[in-house]
Amino acid sequence: MSAPLTGSARKPARLAEKRCGARKTLCLAAFCALAAFPAPAADAEAWLLAASPFETDAPADAAVSKLANEIPSLMLDLLSANETRRVLPDERTRRALAELQTKRQVLFGDLRKAVLGRDAVVLEDRTERALKKGIAAEERKIAAAQKQIDANLAETQALLSDKPNTGAKKKAAPASDTNEAIRLWKGDDSALFTGHRDSEGAPFSSYRLESALAAEKIKGYITGSILAYDGYAAVSATLRVYPGGVAAGEALEIGAVADSHQIARLLANALLPPLLDTQTAKLIVAFPPEMDAGSVRVSIDAMSVQKPAESTAVRSGVHIVSVEAAGYKTETLSMQFAGDTTYRLNFALREASPDVVSVALKKTVPGVFLLNAAVENPSPATITVNGETVLGRFDGETGSPGYFYIPVKLDGARNWKVQPTNYDITAKIETARKIMYASYSALMIAVPVWFYTMGEYQVRYHGLVLGYRLDATDEVEKWKQYSNYAGYGSAAIGLNFAFWLARYLYTTNTVIPGRAKGEA
């Protein structure tokens, strides 16, 4: 046991404690000062770009095979010189959906494991109390997995739906576009991705390919093909963005096989705008001020827009803008949008005026109505019209489907009659076509015969009149009869052809939806 400290010994000890406390205070202050400054951003958000060797129709040609590896490598080198790219909200949404899908697969595995665990507990040799306790524990695991799957599905629906989410917390993509750093897969432009084929060399399906790319964290993937003839090659390249495999850009160039640098430079220049997403348009959707903004739902390419009054970035190209609101007719616009331009779309929604009408058959035939994609049975069927043309179809148990439409203006009609089709339209059209062509062929034979007999008659008649052949009276009468018979026959065949031509046109016209007959 150590001796107790004397007074002279305690003084150095107290001094050491003060120094130790000062060091602790200094270290804590230094730690707080470092924490006040943000750490350097990690490269986790880097957008990895990769390419695979291009496909070629002449793998035995050494020059073409060399080109299949050189062009994608050169393209990667040229494209990676650009440090950042723009990420639009739709791409963020696809990434969020892919992340939720991966979590669902894991949760489903947990659910399966819990269900099998519960079944295993039932088969175990336990006391009744232990059995109930074990089953209850596994049931809690099953319920927890089901709850997490439901929450995951709610988040997924919130991303897909164009209506505000009232259930789970929405994990939506950013409202505005952001930038990401472009990096090469494995940091080397000569490293080409060859994991797109199986062990036997066959290409993967789209799902397996996306899984292989996701395992390597590749988000941009370039593929291509080469068609070479006599020293020249047509090279096509496609840039796809993952997850989703959306084709962001395509290019086709033709050049000399010996000049791979020029071909690669031209292809890279063509794919550069879609890679960087610099060519984006801004859309602003406006509607009458008297409308309640909260009740209006705006979607662009089936993707919900949360703040339509603010500008939304979209890629250059054709997009479909849809605006719907309760009590108004849905308006849809499809148009081409050019990059670096702001578009203001003013939608003047029209109030809906729903009306209920009945649709019945003129003749009772077993079958069902399909009205605006909804199945209605029996006849008469009721349908709500909203100032728009109603396109319908009747599928009878016999015959071909019959198409019809109800016009926009009802003119007070509440009951509409449709003539059912109780025969095979295709067979009837084919029969009319064959008979029409046969009649035409007969007419093409009859007309020359008529011309021939008429010519023979005219020659003999004028010979008799001019006195060249005074003994040809019987022959003149004979050829006159032949000419008359041939003329009558040609006329009859011509009328028959005209009839079957009209019949054929009328029969083919029956495939066009006919107007239903309205009655008050």
Protein backbone atom coordinates (compact mmCIF):
# COMPACT_ATOMS: atom_id res chain seq x y z
CA MET A 1 0.00 0.00 0.00
CA SER A 2 1.40 3.41 -0.97
CA ALA A 3 2.02 6.00 1.67
CA PRO A 4 -0.35 8.98 1.94
CA LEU A 5 0.71 12.13 0.17
CA THR A 6 2.33 14.77 2.29
CA GLY A 7 1.69 18.50 1.84
CA SER A 8 4.72 18.98 -0.38
CA ALA A 9 3.67 16.06 -2.57
CA ARG A 10 0.03 17.22 -2.98
CA LYS A 11 1.08 20.53 -4.62
CA PRO A 12 2.65 18.93 -7.73
CA ALA A 13 -0.34 16.62 -7.99
CA ARG A 14 -2.79 19.55 -7.95
CA LEU A 15 -0.64 21.30 -10.61
CA ALA A 16 -0.75 18.19 -12.84
CA GLU A 17 -4.53 18.00 -12.48
CA LYS A 18 -4.85 21.65 -13.58
CA ARG A 19 -2.63 21.04 -16.62
CA CYS A 20 -4.66 17.96 -17.56
CA GLY A 21 -7.89 19.93 -17.25
CA ALA A 22 -6.45 22.69 -19.45
CA ARG A 23 -5.51 20.13 -22.09
CA LYS A 24 -9.05 18.69 -22.03
CA THR A 25 -10.55 22.16 -22.42
CA LEU A 26 -8.21 22.94 -25.32
CA CYS A 27 -9.05 19.66 -27.07
CA LEU A 28 -12.79 20.23 -26.64
CA ALA A 29 -12.50 23.77 -28.05
CA ALA A 30 -10.50 22.49 -31.03
CA PHE A 31 -13.09 19.76 -31.69
CA CYS A 32 -15.94 22.29 -31.60
CA ALA A 33 -14.04 24.61 -33.94
CA LEU A 34 -13.53 21.78 -36.44
CA ALA A 35 -17.15 20.75 -36.18
CA ALA A 36 -18.23 24.28 -37.06
CA PHE A 37 -16.69 23.89 -40.55
CA PRO A 38 -18.38 21.47 -43.01
CA ALA A 39 -16.40 18.41 -43.97
CA PRO A 40 -15.39 18.00 -47.62
CA ALA A 41 -18.20 16.48 -49.65
CA ALA A 42 -17.72 12.80 -50.34
CA ASP A 43 -17.84 11.45 -53.84
CA ALA A 44 -20.92 9.35 -52.99
CA GLU A 45 -23.13 11.56 -55.17
CA ALA A 46 -20.88 11.15 -58.21
CA TRP A 47 -22.66 10.15 -61.39
CA LEU A 48 -20.77 7.15 -62.76
CA LEU A 49 -20.58 6.87 -66.55
CA ALA A 50 -19.65 3.63 -68.30
CA ALA A 51 -19.75 2.10 -71.77
CA SER A 52 -19.66 -1.39 -73.18
CA PRO A 53 -17.84 -2.56 -76.31
CA PHE A 54 -19.94 -1.77 -79.35
CA GLU A 55 -21.61 -4.62 -81.21
CA THR A 56 -20.32 -5.30 -84.72
CA ASP A 57 -21.45 -7.37 -87.68
CA ALA A 58 -17.85 -8.30 -88.55
CA PRO A 59 -16.14 -9.58 -85.39
CA ALA A 60 -13.55 -11.41 -87.48
CA ASP A 61 -12.33 -8.14 -89.01
CA ALA A 62 -9.45 -6.96 -86.83
CA ALA A 63 -9.90 -3.28 -87.75
CA VAL A 64 -13.62 -3.30 -86.99
CA SER A 65 -13.11 -5.22 -83.73
CA LYS A 66 -10.51 -2.64 -82.70
CA LEU A 67 -12.99 0.10 -83.55
CA ALA A 68 -15.61 -1.51 -81.29
CA ASN A 69 -13.34 -0.90 -78.28
CA GLU A 70 -11.68 2.35 -79.32
CA ILE A 71 -14.81 4.41 -80.02
CA PRO A 72 -16.52 3.90 -76.62
CA SER A 73 -13.20 4.54 -74.82
CA LEU A 74 -12.63 7.75 -76.76
CA MET A 75 -16.22 8.84 -76.12
CA LEU A 76 -15.78 8.31 -72.38
CA ASP A 77 -12.62 10.40 -72.45
CA LEU A 78 -14.37 13.24 -74.29
CA LEU A 79 -17.58 13.18 -72.24
CA SER A 80 -15.82 12.97 -68.87
CA ALA A 81 -14.10 16.31 -69.54
CA ASN A 82 -17.37 17.92 -68.42
CA GLU A 83 -17.34 17.94 -64.61
CA THR A 84 -21.04 18.26 -63.78
CA ARG A 85 -24.42 17.44 -65.21
CA ARG A 86 -27.91 18.61 -64.37
CA VAL A 87 -30.28 16.18 -62.68
CA LEU A 88 -33.93 16.95 -63.32
CA PRO A 89 -36.77 16.08 -60.91
CA ASP A 90 -38.04 13.15 -63.02
CA GLU A 91 -34.65 11.44 -62.74
CA ARG A 92 -34.65 12.05 -58.99
CA THR A 93 -38.10 10.49 -58.83
CA ARG A 94 -36.95 7.38 -60.71
CA ARG A 95 -34.05 7.01 -58.29
CA ALA A 96 -36.39 7.31 -55.31
CA LEU A 97 -38.70 4.67 -56.83
CA ALA A 98 -35.76 2.32 -57.42
CA GLU A 99 -34.61 2.77 -53.82
CA LEU A 100 -38.10 1.99 -52.52
CA GLN A 101 -38.24 -1.10 -54.77
CA THR A 102 -34.97 -2.40 -53.31
CA LYS A 103 -36.30 -1.88 -49.78
CA ARG A 104 -39.53 -3.72 -50.67
CA GLN A 105 -37.56 -6.73 -51.83
CA VAL A 106 -35.65 -6.81 -48.54
CA LEU A 107 -38.86 -6.40 -46.54
CA PHE A 108 -40.54 -9.19 -48.49
CA GLY A 109 -37.61 -11.44 -47.60
CA ASP A 110 -38.09 -10.52 -43.93
CA LEU A 111 -41.80 -11.31 -44.22
CA ARG A 112 -41.08 -14.68 -45.79
CA LYS A 113 -38.55 -15.48 -43.08
CA ALA A 114 -41.04 -14.55 -40.35
CA VAL A 115 -43.82 -16.67 -41.89
CA LEU A 116 -41.51 -19.68 -42.20
CA GLY A 117 -40.36 -19.09 -38.62
CA ARG A 118 -43.93 -19.16 -37.39
CA ASP A 119 -44.59 -22.41 -39.27
CA ALA A 120 -41.41 -23.89 -37.77
CA VAL A 121 -42.55 -22.97 -34.26
CA VAL A 122 -45.80 -24.86 -34.77
CA LEU A 123 -43.89 -28.00 -35.70
CA GLU A 124 -41.54 -27.81 -32.70
CA ASP A 125 -42.08 -29.96 -29.61
CA ARG A 126 -42.97 -27.33 -27.04
CA THR A 127 -45.31 -26.92 -24.17
CA GLU A 128 -48.58 -25.18 -24.92
CA ARG A 129 -47.46 -22.02 -23.13
CA ALA A 130 -44.10 -21.93 -24.91
CA LEU A 131 -45.83 -22.64 -28.22
CA LYS A 132 -48.22 -19.70 -27.82
CA LYS A 133 -45.36 -17.45 -26.78
CA GLY A 134 -43.23 -18.45 -29.78
CA ILE A 135 -46.13 -17.99 -32.22
CA ALA A 136 -46.94 -14.59 -30.75
CA ALA A 137 -43.33 -13.48 -31.17
CA GLU A 138 -43.30 -14.53 -34.83
CA GLU A 139 -46.69 -12.90 -35.40
CA ARG A 140 -45.25 -9.63 -34.15
CA LYS A 141 -42.41 -9.95 -36.65
CA ILE A 142 -44.91 -10.65 -39.46
CA ALA A 143 -47.04 -7.66 -38.48
CA ALA A 144 -43.97 -5.41 -38.34
CA ALA A 145 -42.84 -6.55 -41.82
CA GLN A 146 -46.34 -6.04 -43.22
CA LYS A 147 -46.52 -2.56 -41.70
CA GLN A 148 -43.18 -1.60 -43.24
CA ILE A 149 -44.24 -2.96 -46.66
CA ASP A 150 -47.49 -0.98 -46.50
CA ALA A 151 -45.57 2.17 -45.57
CA ASN A 152 -43.18 1.54 -48.46
CA LEU A 153 -46.08 1.09 -50.89
CA ALA A 154 -47.68 4.29 -49.61
CA GLU A 155 -44.46 6.20 -50.29
CA THR A 156 -44.30 4.65 -53.76
CA GLN A 157 -47.89 5.63 -54.49
CA ALA A 158 -47.18 9.15 -53.29
CA LEU A 159 -44.43 9.47 -55.89
CA LEU A 160 -46.60 8.03 -58.66
CA SER A 161 -49.90 9.68 -57.85
CA ASP A 162 -50.89 13.09 -59.05
CA LYS A 163 -52.90 13.63 -55.87
CA PRO A 164 -51.49 14.83 -52.56
CA ASN A 165 -50.57 12.02 -50.21
CA THR A 166 -52.69 11.85 -47.06
CA GLY A 167 -51.15 8.73 -45.57
CA ALA A 168 -47.46 8.04 -45.25
CA LYS A 169 -44.87 10.74 -45.23
CA LYS A 170 -44.05 11.51 -48.84
CA LYS A 171 -40.48 10.97 -49.85
CA ALA A 172 -40.62 13.09 -52.98
CA ALA A 173 -37.86 14.08 -55.33
CA PRO A 174 -36.44 17.60 -55.11
CA ALA A 175 -38.65 20.25 -56.68
CA SER A 176 -35.78 21.80 -58.59
CA ASP A 177 -32.97 20.35 -60.62
CA THR A 178 -29.53 19.84 -59.06
CA ASN A 179 -26.02 19.16 -60.31
CA GLU A 180 -23.92 16.03 -59.97
CA ALA A 181 -20.27 15.36 -60.62
CA ILE A 182 -19.52 13.15 -63.63
CA ARG A 183 -17.04 10.38 -62.93
CA LEU A 184 -15.90 7.43 -65.01
CA TRP A 185 -16.55 3.91 -63.88
CA LYS A 186 -13.32 2.67 -62.31
CA GLY A 187 -11.84 6.09 -63.10
CA ASP A 188 -10.42 4.88 -66.42
CA ASP A 189 -11.79 5.53 -69.92
CA SER A 190 -10.22 2.29 -71.17
CA ALA A 191 -12.24 0.21 -68.69
CA LEU A 192 -15.30 -0.98 -70.60
CA PHE A 193 -18.21 -2.65 -68.85
CA THR A 194 -18.50 -6.27 -69.98
CA GLY A 195 -20.94 -7.46 -67.33
CA HIS A 196 -23.89 -7.15 -69.71
CA ARG A 197 -23.56 -10.76 -70.86
CA ASP A 198 -23.86 -14.11 -69.12
CA SER A 199 -21.25 -16.84 -68.97
CA GLU A 200 -22.23 -18.09 -72.43
CA GLY A 201 -21.94 -14.66 -74.05
CA ALA A 202 -25.68 -14.02 -74.43
CA PRO A 203 -26.85 -10.48 -73.58
CA PHE A 204 -28.70 -9.97 -70.31
CA SER A 205 -32.36 -9.02 -70.19
CA SER A 206 -33.17 -5.41 -69.30
CA TYR A 207 -33.86 -6.38 -65.66
CA ARG A 208 -30.62 -8.32 -65.21
CA LEU A 209 -28.68 -5.59 -66.98
CA GLU A 210 -30.08 -2.93 -64.67
CA SER A 211 -29.25 -5.11 -61.66
CA ALA A 212 -25.68 -5.55 -62.91
CA LEU A 213 -25.30 -1.81 -63.45
CA ALA A 214 -26.81 -1.03 -60.05
CA ALA A 215 -24.29 -3.35 -58.40
CA GLU A 216 -21.52 -1.24 -59.94
CA LYS A 217 -23.38 2.03 -59.12
CA ILE A 218 -23.40 2.96 -62.80
CA LYS A 219 -26.01 5.60 -63.65
CA GLY A 220 -25.03 6.44 -67.23
CA TYR A 221 -24.49 3.63 -69.75
CA ILE A 222 -23.45 3.95 -73.40
CA THR A 223 -24.06 1.18 -75.91
CA GLY A 224 -23.64 1.09 -79.65
CA SER A 225 -23.33 -0.91 -82.83
CA ILE A 226 -21.05 -0.78 -85.88
CA LEU A 227 -21.95 -1.64 -89.47
CA ALA A 228 -18.86 -1.63 -91.71
CA TYR A 229 -18.49 -1.81 -95.49
CA ASP A 230 -15.28 -1.50 -97.50
CA GLY A 231 -13.35 0.73 -95.11
CA TYR A 232 -16.28 2.84 -93.89
CA ALA A 233 -18.53 2.34 -90.89
CA ALA A 234 -21.92 3.51 -89.67
CA VAL A 235 -21.71 3.76 -85.88
CA SER A 236 -24.77 4.29 -83.66
CA ALA A 237 -24.58 5.11 -79.94
CA THR A 238 -27.25 5.32 -77.24
CA LEU A 239 -26.96 6.92 -73.81
CA ARG A 240 -29.27 5.46 -71.16
CA VAL A 241 -29.84 6.84 -67.68
CA TYR A 242 -30.39 4.50 -64.75
CA PRO A 243 -32.40 3.56 -62.81
CA GLY A 244 -35.08 3.04 -65.41
CA GLY A 245 -32.92 2.69 -68.50
CA VAL A 246 -34.41 5.82 -70.07
CA ALA A 247 -32.85 6.60 -73.45
CA ALA A 248 -31.53 10.13 -72.91
CA GLY A 249 -29.95 10.47 -76.35
CA GLU A 250 -29.10 8.66 -79.56
CA ALA A 251 -26.64 9.43 -82.34
CA LEU A 252 -25.57 7.97 -85.68
CA GLU A 253 -22.37 8.87 -87.51
CA ILE A 254 -20.58 7.58 -90.59
CA GLY A 255 -16.84 7.75 -91.06
CA ALA A 256 -13.71 5.95 -92.10
CA VAL A 257 -12.72 2.88 -90.12
CA ALA A 258 -9.17 4.21 -89.93
CA ASP A 259 -10.29 7.47 -88.26
CA SER A 260 -11.92 6.37 -85.01
CA HIS A 261 -11.15 9.72 -83.33
CA GLN A 262 -13.37 11.66 -85.71
CA ILE A 263 -16.30 9.24 -85.30
CA ALA A 264 -15.96 9.29 -81.51
CA ARG A 265 -15.78 13.10 -81.45
CA LEU A 266 -18.93 13.46 -83.55
CA LEU A 267 -20.85 10.94 -81.43
CA ALA A 268 -19.70 12.59 -78.19
CA ASN A 269 -20.80 16.02 -79.45
CA ALA A 270 -24.23 14.63 -80.28
CA LEU A 271 -24.66 12.97 -76.85
CA LEU A 272 -23.25 15.88 -74.86
CA PRO A 273 -26.49 17.96 -74.56
CA PRO A 274 -28.61 15.07 -73.23
CA LEU A 275 -25.74 14.01 -70.96
CA LEU A 276 -25.44 17.43 -69.34
CA ASP A 277 -29.17 18.17 -69.62
CA THR A 278 -28.39 21.72 -70.60
CA GLN A 279 -31.20 21.84 -73.15
CA THR A 280 -34.11 22.20 -70.74
CA ALA A 281 -37.32 24.15 -71.05
CA LYS A 282 -39.23 25.87 -68.24
CA LEU A 283 -42.98 25.31 -68.00
CA ILE A 284 -45.40 27.50 -66.06
CA VAL A 285 -49.01 26.30 -65.94
CA ALA A 286 -51.67 28.93 -65.28
CA PHE A 287 -55.45 28.73 -64.95
CA PRO A 288 -58.27 31.22 -64.21
CA PRO A 289 -57.86 33.02 -60.85
CA GLU A 290 -61.41 32.18 -59.78
CA MET A 291 -60.46 28.50 -59.58
CA ASP A 292 -59.29 27.04 -56.29
CA ALA A 293 -55.59 26.31 -56.74
CA GLY A 294 -55.75 23.50 -54.19
CA SER A 295 -58.30 21.57 -56.25
CA VAL A 296 -56.34 21.73 -59.50
CA ARG A 297 -54.07 18.80 -60.32
CA VAL A 298 -51.37 19.32 -62.94
CA SER A 299 -49.21 16.54 -64.37
CA ILE A 300 -46.47 16.50 -66.97
CA ASP A 301 -45.95 13.13 -68.66
CA ALA A 302 -48.09 11.53 -65.90
CA MET A 303 -45.80 12.98 -63.20
CA SER A 304 -47.50 15.24 -60.67
CA VAL A 305 -46.43 18.87 -60.45
CA GLN A 306 -46.72 20.15 -56.90
CA LYS A 307 -46.32 23.89 -57.71
CA PRO A 308 -47.52 24.45 -61.29
CA ALA A 309 -47.44 28.25 -60.90
CA GLU A 310 -43.67 28.04 -60.51
CA SER A 311 -41.37 27.06 -63.37
CA THR A 312 -40.79 23.33 -63.86
CA ALA A 313 -37.74 22.14 -65.80
CA VAL A 314 -38.29 19.53 -68.52
CA ARG A 315 -36.05 18.12 -71.21
CA SER A 316 -36.39 19.32 -74.77
CA GLY A 317 -38.90 17.29 -76.73
CA VAL A 318 -42.59 16.40 -76.78
CA HIS A 319 -44.37 16.42 -73.42
CA ILE A 320 -47.98 15.89 -72.40
CA VAL A 321 -49.43 18.39 -69.92
CA SER A 322 -52.72 17.51 -68.22
CA VAL A 323 -54.85 19.72 -65.97
CA GLU A 324 -57.88 18.43 -64.09
CA ALA A 325 -60.12 19.77 -61.36
CA ALA A 326 -63.35 18.74 -59.71
CA GLY A 327 -66.34 20.07 -61.62
CA TYR A 328 -64.32 20.85 -64.77
CA LYS A 329 -63.41 18.96 -67.90
CA THR A 330 -59.90 17.59 -68.01
CA GLU A 331 -57.70 19.41 -70.50
CA THR A 332 -54.66 17.76 -72.09
CA LEU A 333 -52.00 19.37 -74.27
CA SER A 334 -49.21 17.64 -76.20
CA MET A 335 -46.58 19.83 -77.80
CA GLN A 336 -42.90 20.23 -78.59
CA PHE A 337 -40.83 22.21 -76.09
CA ALA A 338 -37.44 23.63 -77.07
CA GLY A 339 -34.57 24.04 -74.63
CA ASP A 340 -33.55 27.25 -72.87
CA THR A 341 -37.07 28.65 -73.29
CA THR A 342 -39.80 29.46 -70.77
CA TYR A 343 -43.34 28.49 -71.72
CA ARG A 344 -46.46 29.81 -70.00
CA LEU A 345 -49.47 27.57 -70.63
CA ASN A 346 -52.85 29.14 -69.87
CA PHE A 347 -55.61 26.57 -69.43
CA ALA A 348 -59.18 27.88 -69.50
CA LEU A 349 -60.98 24.91 -68.00
CA ARG A 350 -64.58 24.41 -69.04
CA GLU A 351 -67.20 23.49 -66.49
CA ALA A 352 -68.40 19.94 -66.70
CA SER A 353 -72.01 19.33 -67.66
CA PRO A 354 -72.65 15.65 -66.98
CA ASP A 355 -75.75 14.03 -68.43
CA VAL A 356 -77.03 10.47 -68.26
CA VAL A 357 -78.25 8.71 -71.40
CA SER A 358 -79.20 5.13 -72.21
CA VAL A 359 -77.81 3.01 -75.03
CA ALA A 360 -79.78 0.05 -76.37
CA LEU A 361 -79.82 -2.24 -79.39
CA LYS A 362 -82.29 -1.92 -82.23
CA LYS A 363 -82.49 -5.71 -82.23
CA THR A 364 -81.99 -7.80 -79.10
CA VAL A 365 -78.72 -9.74 -79.37
CA PRO A 366 -76.74 -11.32 -76.49
CA GLY A 367 -73.59 -9.38 -75.74
CA VAL A 368 -72.05 -6.53 -73.77
CA PHE A 369 -71.43 -2.81 -74.32
CA LEU A 370 -68.05 -1.19 -73.92
CA LEU A 371 -68.58 2.53 -73.41
CA ASN A 372 -65.53 4.74 -72.83
CA ALA A 373 -63.53 1.67 -71.78
CA ALA A 374 -66.19 0.64 -69.21
CA VAL A 375 -68.12 -2.64 -69.60
CA GLU A 376 -71.88 -2.18 -69.43
CA ASN A 377 -74.37 -5.02 -69.38
CA PRO A 378 -77.31 -5.49 -70.04
CA SER A 379 -79.08 -3.56 -72.77
CA PRO A 380 -80.08 -0.78 -72.35
CA ALA A 381 -76.91 0.47 -70.71
CA THR A 382 -76.58 3.83 -68.98
CA ILE A 383 -73.60 6.13 -69.37
CA THR A 384 -72.68 9.59 -68.13
CA VAL A 385 -71.68 11.97 -70.90
CA ASN A 386 -69.81 15.18 -70.27
CA GLY A 387 -70.02 17.19 -73.44
CA GLU A 388 -67.60 14.88 -75.23
CA THR A 389 -68.03 12.36 -77.99
CA VAL A 390 -68.68 8.88 -76.60
CA LEU A 391 -67.00 6.06 -78.50
CA GLY A 392 -68.59 2.68 -77.85
CA ARG A 393 -68.42 -0.91 -78.95
CA PHE A 394 -70.84 -3.81 -78.77
CA ASP A 395 -69.43 -7.32 -78.51
CA GLY A 396 -72.06 -9.86 -79.41
CA GLU A 397 -71.81 -13.57 -78.84
CA THR A 398 -71.84 -13.98 -82.63
CA GLY A 399 -70.39 -11.76 -85.29
CA SER A 400 -67.74 -9.07 -85.18
CA PRO A 401 -67.61 -6.18 -82.68
CA GLY A 402 -69.72 -3.22 -83.75
CA TYR A 403 -68.38 0.29 -83.20
CA PHE A 404 -70.51 3.40 -82.80
CA TYR A 405 -70.36 6.88 -81.34
CA ILE A 406 -72.67 9.31 -79.60
CA PRO A 407 -72.08 12.88 -80.82
CA VAL A 408 -71.15 15.83 -78.67
CA LYS A 409 -74.50 17.57 -79.15
CA LEU A 410 -77.26 15.37 -77.81
CA ASP A 411 -80.07 17.68 -79.07
CA GLY A 412 -82.29 16.54 -76.23
CA ALA A 413 -81.96 12.85 -77.03
CA ARG A 414 -81.87 10.59 -73.98
CA ASN A 415 -82.21 7.18 -75.64
CA TRP A 416 -79.77 6.02 -78.28
CA LYS A 417 -80.20 3.00 -80.54
CA VAL A 418 -77.37 0.95 -82.03
CA GLN A 419 -77.58 -1.57 -84.86
CA PRO A 420 -75.75 -4.76 -83.75
CA THR A 421 -73.41 -6.60 -86.08
CA ASN A 422 -74.44 -10.25 -86.21
CA TYR A 423 -72.02 -11.31 -88.93
CA ASP A 424 -68.30 -11.59 -89.45
CA ILE A 425 -67.23 -8.25 -90.97
CA THR A 426 -63.81 -9.56 -91.99
CA ALA A 427 -65.27 -12.51 -93.89
CA LYS A 428 -67.88 -10.31 -95.55
CA ILE A 429 -65.26 -7.80 -96.69
CA GLU A 430 -63.09 -10.60 -98.06
CA THR A 431 -66.03 -12.12 -99.96
CA ALA A 432 -66.98 -8.76 -101.46
CA ARG A 433 -63.37 -8.13 -102.42
CA LYS A 434 -63.00 -11.47 -104.22
CA ILE A 435 -66.26 -11.06 -106.16
CA MET A 436 -65.40 -7.45 -107.06
CA TYR A 437 -61.99 -8.47 -108.43
CA ALA A 438 -63.54 -11.40 -110.32
CA SER A 439 -66.09 -9.02 -111.87
CA TYR A 440 -63.32 -6.64 -112.85
CA SER A 441 -61.36 -9.47 -114.47
CA ALA A 442 -64.45 -10.55 -116.43
CA LEU A 443 -64.98 -6.96 -117.56
CA MET A 444 -61.38 -6.73 -118.77
CA ILE A 445 -62.03 -9.82 -120.91
CA ALA A 446 -65.49 -8.81 -122.17
CA VAL A 447 -64.60 -5.30 -123.36
CA PRO A 448 -61.85 -6.44 -125.83
CA VAL A 449 -64.21 -9.09 -127.21
CA TRP A 450 -66.85 -6.41 -127.74
CA PHE A 451 -64.34 -4.15 -129.48
CA TYR A 452 -63.22 -7.00 -131.71
CA THR A 453 -66.73 -8.03 -132.79
CA MET A 454 -67.70 -4.41 -133.36
CA GLY A 455 -64.61 -3.91 -135.53
CA GLU A 456 -65.37 -6.99 -137.62
CA TYR A 457 -68.95 -5.82 -138.09
CA GLN A 458 -67.88 -2.31 -139.14
CA VAL A 459 -65.35 -3.65 -141.66
CA ARG A 460 -67.88 -5.94 -143.34
CA TYR A 461 -70.67 -3.36 -143.26
CA HIS A 462 -68.61 -0.64 -144.92
CA GLY A 463 -67.27 -3.18 -147.44
CA LEU A 464 -70.83 -4.00 -148.38
CA VAL A 465 -71.91 -0.35 -148.61
CA LEU A 466 -68.95 0.61 -150.78
CA GLY A 467 -69.52 -2.34 -153.10
CA TYR A 468 -66.32 -4.19 -152.35
CA ARG A 469 -68.13 -7.37 -151.27
CA LEU A 470 -71.68 -7.67 -152.47
CA ASP A 471 -71.95 -11.30 -151.29
CA ALA A 472 -71.13 -10.46 -147.59
CA THR A 473 -74.70 -9.69 -146.46
CA ASP A 474 -74.96 -12.81 -144.27
CA GLU A 475 -71.58 -12.14 -142.66
CA VAL A 476 -72.58 -8.55 -141.90
CA GLU A 477 -75.71 -9.72 -140.10
CA LYS A 478 -73.75 -12.40 -138.22
CA TRP A 479 -71.09 -10.00 -136.93
CA LYS A 480 -73.76 -7.48 -136.08
CA GLN A 481 -75.37 -10.05 -133.80
CA TYR A 482 -71.97 -10.94 -132.32
CA SER A 483 -71.27 -7.28 -131.66
CA ASN A 484 -74.67 -6.76 -130.02
CA TYR A 485 -74.26 -9.84 -127.83
CA ALA A 486 -70.75 -8.76 -126.81
CA GLY A 487 -71.95 -5.21 -126.08
CA TYR A 488 -74.88 -6.41 -123.96
CA GLY A 489 -72.61 -8.83 -122.13
CA SER A 490 -69.97 -6.15 -121.47
CA ALA A 491 -72.65 -3.78 -120.17
CA ALA A 492 -74.04 -6.45 -117.86
CA ILE A 493 -70.58 -7.36 -116.58
CA GLY A 494 -69.79 -3.66 -116.13
CA LEU A 495 -72.95 -3.14 -114.08
CA ASN A 496 -72.09 -6.20 -112.02
CA PHE A 497 -68.60 -4.82 -111.39
CA ALA A 498 -70.03 -1.42 -110.39
CA PHE A 499 -72.45 -3.11 -107.99
CA TRP A 500 -69.77 -5.19 -106.27
CA LEU A 501 -67.39 -2.24 -106.15
CA ALA A 502 -70.03 -0.22 -104.32
CA ARG A 503 -70.82 -3.24 -102.16
CA TYR A 504 -67.14 -3.67 -101.28
CA LEU A 505 -66.74 0.01 -100.38
CA TYR A 506 -69.92 -0.07 -98.32
CA THR A 507 -68.81 -3.20 -96.47
CA THR A 508 -65.38 -1.82 -95.68
CA ASN A 509 -67.02 1.39 -94.48
CA THR A 510 -68.85 -0.57 -91.79
CA VAL A 511 -65.65 -0.85 -89.76
CA ILE A 512 -65.84 2.93 -89.19
CA PRO A 513 -67.89 3.72 -86.07
CA GLY A 514 -71.40 4.65 -87.06
CA ARG A 515 -73.50 7.34 -85.45
CA ALA A 516 -76.04 6.04 -82.96
CA LYS A 517 -79.65 7.07 -83.51
CA GLY A 518 -80.99 9.37 -80.79
CA GLU A 519 -84.52 9.51 -79.50
CA ALA A 520 -86.04 11.89 -76.99
